[in-house]
Amino acid sequence: MKKFFLMAALAFSALNMNAQKVRFGINAGAGISSVVGSEAKAYGNAFAYKIGATVDIPTSEHFSFISGVDFINKSFEAPGENYNRFFLQLPVMAAYKFDMGESSKLTLKAGPYVGYGVVSSDIKGTDLNFFKDDYHNRGDFGFKAGISFDFSHFTVGAEYSRAIRKINDDLKAYNQVYGIMLGYKF
């Protein structure tokens, strides 16, 4: 029994030491969203934006896992219609950080994401919910990659995400968003 408590205390101490390196943050960004695929040629780009919260969990001096939750706009233009869709998105990315100075790092990150459509309407604000009517798939998942420059508590970067799941089961078209972002880590 003493060995169990000793091992538990050591494990808790190790977790507590590593938890001191975990950094939480907030971010916001803007860019372009669209749909791509063999049946998406008639669709156009639209302005996209996001706000979110992040957590950076280091596993070594240069490697970490970055996750969080984003509220992201994935809009696009269609012939005669504009779709305005909002998702909650959860990425889980592996990141490698290159030292660029005393308190600066260049970060390359990539990994999967899952998303859930929370609300949609046309651009004019008409009360339509494309998710409710099963017109668009509410669930979304895909791949996200990015590069950022981290200095002190601030982050500036570029990100790209591409869905693997179709926006509609009858249409070979997939969400795509690319843009820039600014962030602050506590």
C-alpha atoms as a PDB file:
ATOM      1  CA  MET A   1       0.000   0.000   0.000  1.00  0.00           C
ATOM      2  CA  LYS A   2       2.901   2.353   0.776  1.00  0.00           C
ATOM      3  CA  LYS A   3       4.364   1.633  -2.667  1.00  0.00           C
ATOM      4  CA  PHE A   4       1.047   2.540  -4.298  1.00  0.00           C
ATOM      5  CA  PHE A   5       0.910   5.927  -2.507  1.00  0.00           C
ATOM      6  CA  LEU A   6       4.564   6.607  -3.282  1.00  0.00           C
ATOM      7  CA  MET A   7       4.028   5.802  -6.975  1.00  0.00           C
ATOM      8  CA  ALA A   8       0.857   7.928  -7.069  1.00  0.00           C
ATOM      9  CA  ALA A   9       2.688  10.848  -5.444  1.00  0.00           C
ATOM     10  CA  LEU A  10       5.560  10.562  -7.949  1.00  0.00           C
ATOM     11  CA  ALA A  11       3.149  10.379 -10.894  1.00  0.00           C
ATOM     12  CA  PHE A  12       1.223  13.388  -9.607  1.00  0.00           C
ATOM     13  CA  SER A  13       4.470  15.340  -9.161  1.00  0.00           C
ATOM     14  CA  ALA A  14       5.569  14.530 -12.714  1.00  0.00           C
ATOM     15  CA  LEU A  15       2.196  15.591 -14.105  1.00  0.00           C
ATOM     16  CA  ASN A  16       2.253  18.751 -12.024  1.00  0.00           C
ATOM     17  CA  MET A  17       5.736  19.700 -13.310  1.00  0.00           C
ATOM     18  CA  ASN A  18       4.659  19.214 -16.926  1.00  0.00           C
ATOM     19  CA  ALA A  19       1.360  21.054 -16.343  1.00  0.00           C
ATOM     20  CA  GLN A  20       3.337  24.189 -15.503  1.00  0.00           C
ATOM     21  CA  LYS A  21       4.429  24.337 -19.157  1.00  0.00           C
ATOM     22  CA  VAL A  22       0.913  24.043 -20.576  1.00  0.00           C
ATOM     23  CA  ARG A  23      -0.211  27.350 -22.101  1.00  0.00           C
ATOM     24  CA  PHE A  24      -3.760  28.464 -22.766  1.00  0.00           C
ATOM     25  CA  GLY A  25      -4.621  31.146 -25.261  1.00  0.00           C
ATOM     26  CA  ILE A  26      -7.161  32.927 -27.399  1.00  0.00           C
ATOM     27  CA  ASN A  27      -7.080  33.640 -31.126  1.00  0.00           C
ATOM     28  CA  ALA A  28      -9.004  35.267 -33.929  1.00  0.00           C
ATOM     29  CA  GLY A  29      -8.578  35.181 -37.664  1.00  0.00           C
ATOM     30  CA  ALA A  30      -9.960  36.025 -41.073  1.00  0.00           C
ATOM     31  CA  GLY A  31      -9.635  34.495 -44.508  1.00  0.00           C
ATOM     32  CA  ILE A  32     -11.401  32.851 -47.400  1.00  0.00           C
ATOM     33  CA  SER A  33     -13.748  29.865 -47.282  1.00  0.00           C
ATOM     34  CA  SER A  34     -15.031  27.841 -50.200  1.00  0.00           C
ATOM     35  CA  VAL A  35     -15.999  24.370 -51.262  1.00  0.00           C
ATOM     36  CA  VAL A  36     -13.787  22.264 -53.497  1.00  0.00           C
ATOM     37  CA  GLY A  37     -14.283  19.011 -55.347  1.00  0.00           C
ATOM     38  CA  SER A  38     -15.310  17.614 -58.704  1.00  0.00           C
ATOM     39  CA  GLU A  39     -18.863  18.987 -58.347  1.00  0.00           C
ATOM     40  CA  ALA A  40     -17.915  22.352 -56.790  1.00  0.00           C
ATOM     41  CA  LYS A  41     -16.831  24.316 -59.861  1.00  0.00           C
ATOM     42  CA  ALA A  42     -19.924  26.566 -59.791  1.00  0.00           C
ATOM     43  CA  TYR A  43     -19.304  27.657 -56.197  1.00  0.00           C
ATOM     44  CA  GLY A  44     -17.395  30.790 -55.212  1.00  0.00           C
ATOM     45  CA  ASN A  45     -15.332  32.038 -52.292  1.00  0.00           C
ATOM     46  CA  ALA A  46     -16.687  33.933 -49.305  1.00  0.00           C
ATOM     47  CA  PHE A  47     -15.218  35.868 -46.390  1.00  0.00           C
ATOM     48  CA  ALA A  48     -14.501  33.648 -43.364  1.00  0.00           C
ATOM     49  CA  TYR A  49     -13.590  34.402 -39.780  1.00  0.00           C
ATOM     50  CA  LYS A  50     -12.995  32.557 -36.541  1.00  0.00           C
ATOM     51  CA  ILE A  51     -12.521  33.086 -32.830  1.00  0.00           C
ATOM     52  CA  GLY A  52     -11.269  30.456 -30.471  1.00  0.00           C
ATOM     53  CA  ALA A  53      -9.447  29.203 -27.426  1.00  0.00           C
ATOM     54  CA  THR A  54      -6.277  27.103 -27.549  1.00  0.00           C
ATOM     55  CA  VAL A  55      -4.199  24.869 -25.349  1.00  0.00           C
ATOM     56  CA  ASP A  56      -0.535  24.116 -26.103  1.00  0.00           C
ATOM     57  CA  ILE A  57       0.704  20.952 -24.365  1.00  0.00           C
ATOM     58  CA  PRO A  58       4.475  20.481 -24.737  1.00  0.00           C
ATOM     59  CA  THR A  59       5.948  17.002 -24.671  1.00  0.00           C
ATOM     60  CA  SER A  60       9.565  18.094 -25.175  1.00  0.00           C
ATOM     61  CA  GLU A  61      11.539  21.268 -25.797  1.00  0.00           C
ATOM     62  CA  HIS A  62      10.522  21.449 -29.480  1.00  0.00           C
ATOM     63  CA  PHE A  63       7.456  19.204 -29.820  1.00  0.00           C
ATOM     64  CA  SER A  64       3.920  19.790 -28.533  1.00  0.00           C
ATOM     65  CA  PHE A  65       0.262  19.078 -29.139  1.00  0.00           C
ATOM     66  CA  ILE A  66      -2.002  22.041 -29.875  1.00  0.00           C
ATOM     67  CA  SER A  67      -5.756  21.793 -29.505  1.00  0.00           C
ATOM     68  CA  GLY A  68      -8.673  23.982 -28.547  1.00  0.00           C
ATOM     69  CA  VAL A  69     -12.075  24.965 -29.855  1.00  0.00           C
ATOM     70  CA  ASP A  70     -12.888  27.407 -32.672  1.00  0.00           C
ATOM     71  CA  PHE A  71     -16.145  29.057 -33.669  1.00  0.00           C
ATOM     72  CA  ILE A  72     -15.570  29.253 -37.415  1.00  0.00           C
ATOM     73  CA  ASN A  73     -17.526  30.575 -40.385  1.00  0.00           C
ATOM     74  CA  LYS A  74     -17.468  28.300 -43.458  1.00  0.00           C
ATOM     75  CA  SER A  75     -19.466  30.240 -46.029  1.00  0.00           C
ATOM     76  CA  PHE A  76     -19.543  29.949 -49.812  1.00  0.00           C
ATOM     77  CA  GLU A  77     -21.365  31.406 -52.782  1.00  0.00           C
ATOM     78  CA  ALA A  78     -23.559  29.266 -55.009  1.00  0.00           C
ATOM     79  CA  PRO A  79     -25.457  30.234 -58.186  1.00  0.00           C
ATOM     80  CA  GLY A  80     -28.363  32.362 -56.949  1.00  0.00           C
ATOM     81  CA  GLU A  81     -27.626  31.681 -53.263  1.00  0.00           C
ATOM     82  CA  ASN A  82     -25.063  32.372 -50.594  1.00  0.00           C
ATOM     83  CA  TYR A  83     -24.574  29.982 -47.701  1.00  0.00           C
ATOM     84  CA  ASN A  84     -23.489  31.293 -44.308  1.00  0.00           C
ATOM     85  CA  ARG A  85     -22.573  28.348 -42.031  1.00  0.00           C
ATOM     86  CA  PHE A  86     -21.005  28.323 -38.572  1.00  0.00           C
ATOM     87  CA  PHE A  87     -19.209  25.398 -36.957  1.00  0.00           C
ATOM     88  CA  LEU A  88     -17.636  24.541 -33.633  1.00  0.00           C
ATOM     89  CA  GLN A  89     -14.343  22.947 -34.592  1.00  0.00           C
ATOM     90  CA  LEU A  90     -11.913  20.935 -32.464  1.00  0.00           C
ATOM     91  CA  PRO A  91      -8.425  20.460 -33.966  1.00  0.00           C
ATOM     92  CA  VAL A  92      -5.729  18.197 -32.501  1.00  0.00           C
ATOM     93  CA  MET A  93      -2.412  19.086 -34.111  1.00  0.00           C
ATOM     94  CA  ALA A  94       1.148  17.923 -33.615  1.00  0.00           C
ATOM     95  CA  ALA A  95       3.536  20.885 -33.601  1.00  0.00           C
ATOM     96  CA  TYR A  96       7.273  21.308 -33.990  1.00  0.00           C
ATOM     97  CA  LYS A  97       8.829  24.554 -32.735  1.00  0.00           C
ATOM     98  CA  PHE A  98      12.074  25.979 -34.101  1.00  0.00           C
ATOM     99  CA  ASP A  99      13.961  28.419 -31.863  1.00  0.00           C
ATOM    100  CA  MET A 100      14.235  31.823 -33.531  1.00  0.00           C
ATOM    101  CA  GLY A 101      15.661  33.814 -30.635  1.00  0.00           C
ATOM    102  CA  GLU A 102      15.409  34.221 -26.894  1.00  0.00           C
ATOM    103  CA  SER A 103      11.591  34.276 -26.732  1.00  0.00           C
ATOM    104  CA  SER A 104      10.622  33.597 -30.372  1.00  0.00           C
ATOM    105  CA  LYS A 105       9.679  30.366 -32.125  1.00  0.00           C
ATOM    106  CA  LEU A 106       8.586  29.336 -35.588  1.00  0.00           C
ATOM    107  CA  THR A 107       5.882  26.670 -35.237  1.00  0.00           C
ATOM    108  CA  LEU A 108       4.789  24.152 -37.882  1.00  0.00           C
ATOM    109  CA  LYS A 109       1.608  22.282 -36.982  1.00  0.00           C
ATOM    110  CA  ALA A 110      -0.716  19.765 -38.603  1.00  0.00           C
ATOM    111  CA  GLY A 111      -3.400  17.286 -37.638  1.00  0.00           C
ATOM    112  CA  PRO A 112      -7.043  16.266 -37.875  1.00  0.00           C
ATOM    113  CA  TYR A 113     -10.096  18.227 -36.817  1.00  0.00           C
ATOM    114  CA  VAL A 114     -13.733  17.445 -36.132  1.00  0.00           C
ATOM    115  CA  GLY A 115     -16.481  20.019 -36.460  1.00  0.00           C
ATOM    116  CA  TYR A 116     -20.174  20.373 -35.730  1.00  0.00           C
ATOM    117  CA  GLY A 117     -22.489  22.756 -37.607  1.00  0.00           C
ATOM    118  CA  VAL A 118     -24.340  24.907 -35.104  1.00  0.00           C
ATOM    119  CA  VAL A 119     -26.218  27.442 -37.244  1.00  0.00           C
ATOM    120  CA  SER A 120     -26.659  28.460 -40.875  1.00  0.00           C
ATOM    121  CA  SER A 121     -28.569  30.962 -42.979  1.00  0.00           C
ATOM    122  CA  ASP A 122     -28.291  32.669 -46.295  1.00  0.00           C
ATOM    123  CA  ILE A 123     -26.066  35.752 -46.422  1.00  0.00           C
ATOM    124  CA  LYS A 124     -29.124  38.040 -46.281  1.00  0.00           C
ATOM    125  CA  GLY A 125     -29.903  36.669 -42.810  1.00  0.00           C
ATOM    126  CA  THR A 126     -33.041  34.776 -43.807  1.00  0.00           C
ATOM    127  CA  ASP A 127     -33.889  32.341 -41.053  1.00  0.00           C
ATOM    128  CA  LEU A 128     -32.851  29.157 -42.824  1.00  0.00           C
ATOM    129  CA  ASN A 129     -31.095  26.286 -41.148  1.00  0.00           C
ATOM    130  CA  PHE A 130     -29.486  24.104 -43.783  1.00  0.00           C
ATOM    131  CA  PHE A 131     -28.345  21.680 -41.084  1.00  0.00           C
ATOM    132  CA  LYS A 132     -31.849  21.192 -39.639  1.00  0.00           C
ATOM    133  CA  ASP A 133     -33.298  20.282 -43.019  1.00  0.00           C
ATOM    134  CA  ASP A 134     -30.490  17.746 -43.645  1.00  0.00           C
ATOM    135  CA  TYR A 135     -29.524  19.786 -46.690  1.00  0.00           C
ATOM    136  CA  HIS A 136     -25.917  20.018 -45.458  1.00  0.00           C
ATOM    137  CA  ASN A 137     -24.104  17.557 -43.236  1.00  0.00           C
ATOM    138  CA  ARG A 138     -23.874  18.892 -39.713  1.00  0.00           C
ATOM    139  CA  GLY A 139     -20.766  16.851 -38.945  1.00  0.00           C
ATOM    140  CA  ASP A 140     -17.469  17.851 -40.499  1.00  0.00           C
ATOM    141  CA  PHE A 141     -14.001  16.374 -40.216  1.00  0.00           C
ATOM    142  CA  GLY A 142     -10.768  16.834 -42.060  1.00  0.00           C
ATOM    143  CA  PHE A 143      -7.174  18.010 -41.883  1.00  0.00           C
ATOM    144  CA  LYS A 144      -5.715  21.298 -40.639  1.00  0.00           C
ATOM    145  CA  ALA A 145      -2.185  22.681 -41.039  1.00  0.00           C
ATOM    146  CA  GLY A 146      -0.510  25.927 -40.171  1.00  0.00           C
ATOM    147  CA  ILE A 147       2.609  27.935 -39.586  1.00  0.00           C
ATOM    148  CA  SER A 148       2.990  30.600 -36.923  1.00  0.00           C
ATOM    149  CA  PHE A 149       5.562  32.902 -35.442  1.00  0.00           C
ATOM    150  CA  ASP A 150       5.358  33.002 -31.654  1.00  0.00           C
ATOM    151  CA  PHE A 151       7.045  35.822 -29.793  1.00  0.00           C
ATOM    152  CA  SER A 152       6.628  36.183 -26.057  1.00  0.00           C
ATOM    153  CA  HIS A 153       2.850  35.861 -25.496  1.00  0.00           C
ATOM    154  CA  PHE A 154       1.774  36.738 -29.059  1.00  0.00           C
ATOM    155  CA  THR A 155       1.200  34.551 -32.124  1.00  0.00           C
ATOM    156  CA  VAL A 156       0.816  35.497 -35.800  1.00  0.00           C
ATOM    157  CA  GLY A 157       0.212  32.798 -38.376  1.00  0.00           C
ATOM    158  CA  ALA A 158      -1.474  31.282 -41.380  1.00  0.00           C
ATOM    159  CA  GLU A 159      -3.739  28.217 -41.379  1.00  0.00           C
ATOM    160  CA  TYR A 160      -5.409  25.936 -43.909  1.00  0.00           C
ATOM    161  CA  SER A 161      -8.139  23.351 -43.338  1.00  0.00           C
ATOM    162  CA  ARG A 162      -9.724  20.919 -45.775  1.00  0.00           C
ATOM    163  CA  ALA A 163     -12.665  18.641 -45.029  1.00  0.00           C
ATOM    164  CA  ILE A 164     -12.713  14.955 -45.851  1.00  0.00           C
ATOM    165  CA  ARG A 165     -16.478  14.655 -45.383  1.00  0.00           C
ATOM    166  CA  LYS A 166     -18.718  16.007 -48.138  1.00  0.00           C
ATOM    167  CA  ILE A 167     -20.910  19.032 -47.351  1.00  0.00           C
ATOM    168  CA  ASN A 168     -23.897  17.085 -48.684  1.00  0.00           C
ATOM    169  CA  ASP A 169     -24.158  13.327 -49.231  1.00  0.00           C
ATOM    170  CA  ASP A 170     -25.320  13.864 -52.831  1.00  0.00           C
ATOM    171  CA  LEU A 171     -22.633  16.375 -53.801  1.00  0.00           C
ATOM    172  CA  LYS A 172     -18.881  15.810 -54.175  1.00  0.00           C
ATOM    173  CA  ALA A 173     -17.914  19.109 -52.541  1.00  0.00           C
ATOM    174  CA  TYR A 174     -15.839  19.673 -49.406  1.00  0.00           C
ATOM    175  CA  ASN A 175     -15.267  22.617 -47.018  1.00  0.00           C
ATOM    176  CA  GLN A 176     -11.985  24.497 -47.372  1.00  0.00           C
ATOM    177  CA  VAL A 177     -10.776  27.490 -45.340  1.00  0.00           C
ATOM    178  CA  TYR A 178      -7.487  29.374 -45.397  1.00  0.00           C
ATOM    179  CA  GLY A 179      -6.548  32.523 -43.598  1.00  0.00           C
ATOM    180  CA  ILE A 180      -4.429  34.421 -41.137  1.00  0.00           C
ATOM    181  CA  MET A 181      -4.745  34.510 -37.378  1.00  0.00           C
ATOM    182  CA  LEU A 182      -3.566  36.449 -34.358  1.00  0.00           C
ATOM    183  CA  GLY A 183      -3.382  35.014 -30.891  1.00  0.00           C
ATOM    184  CA  TYR A 184      -2.355  35.612 -27.306  1.00  0.00           C
ATOM    185  CA  LYS A 185      -1.055  32.932 -24.916  1.00  0.00           C
ATOM    186  CA  PHE A 186      -1.364  33.336 -21.155  1.00  0.00           C
END
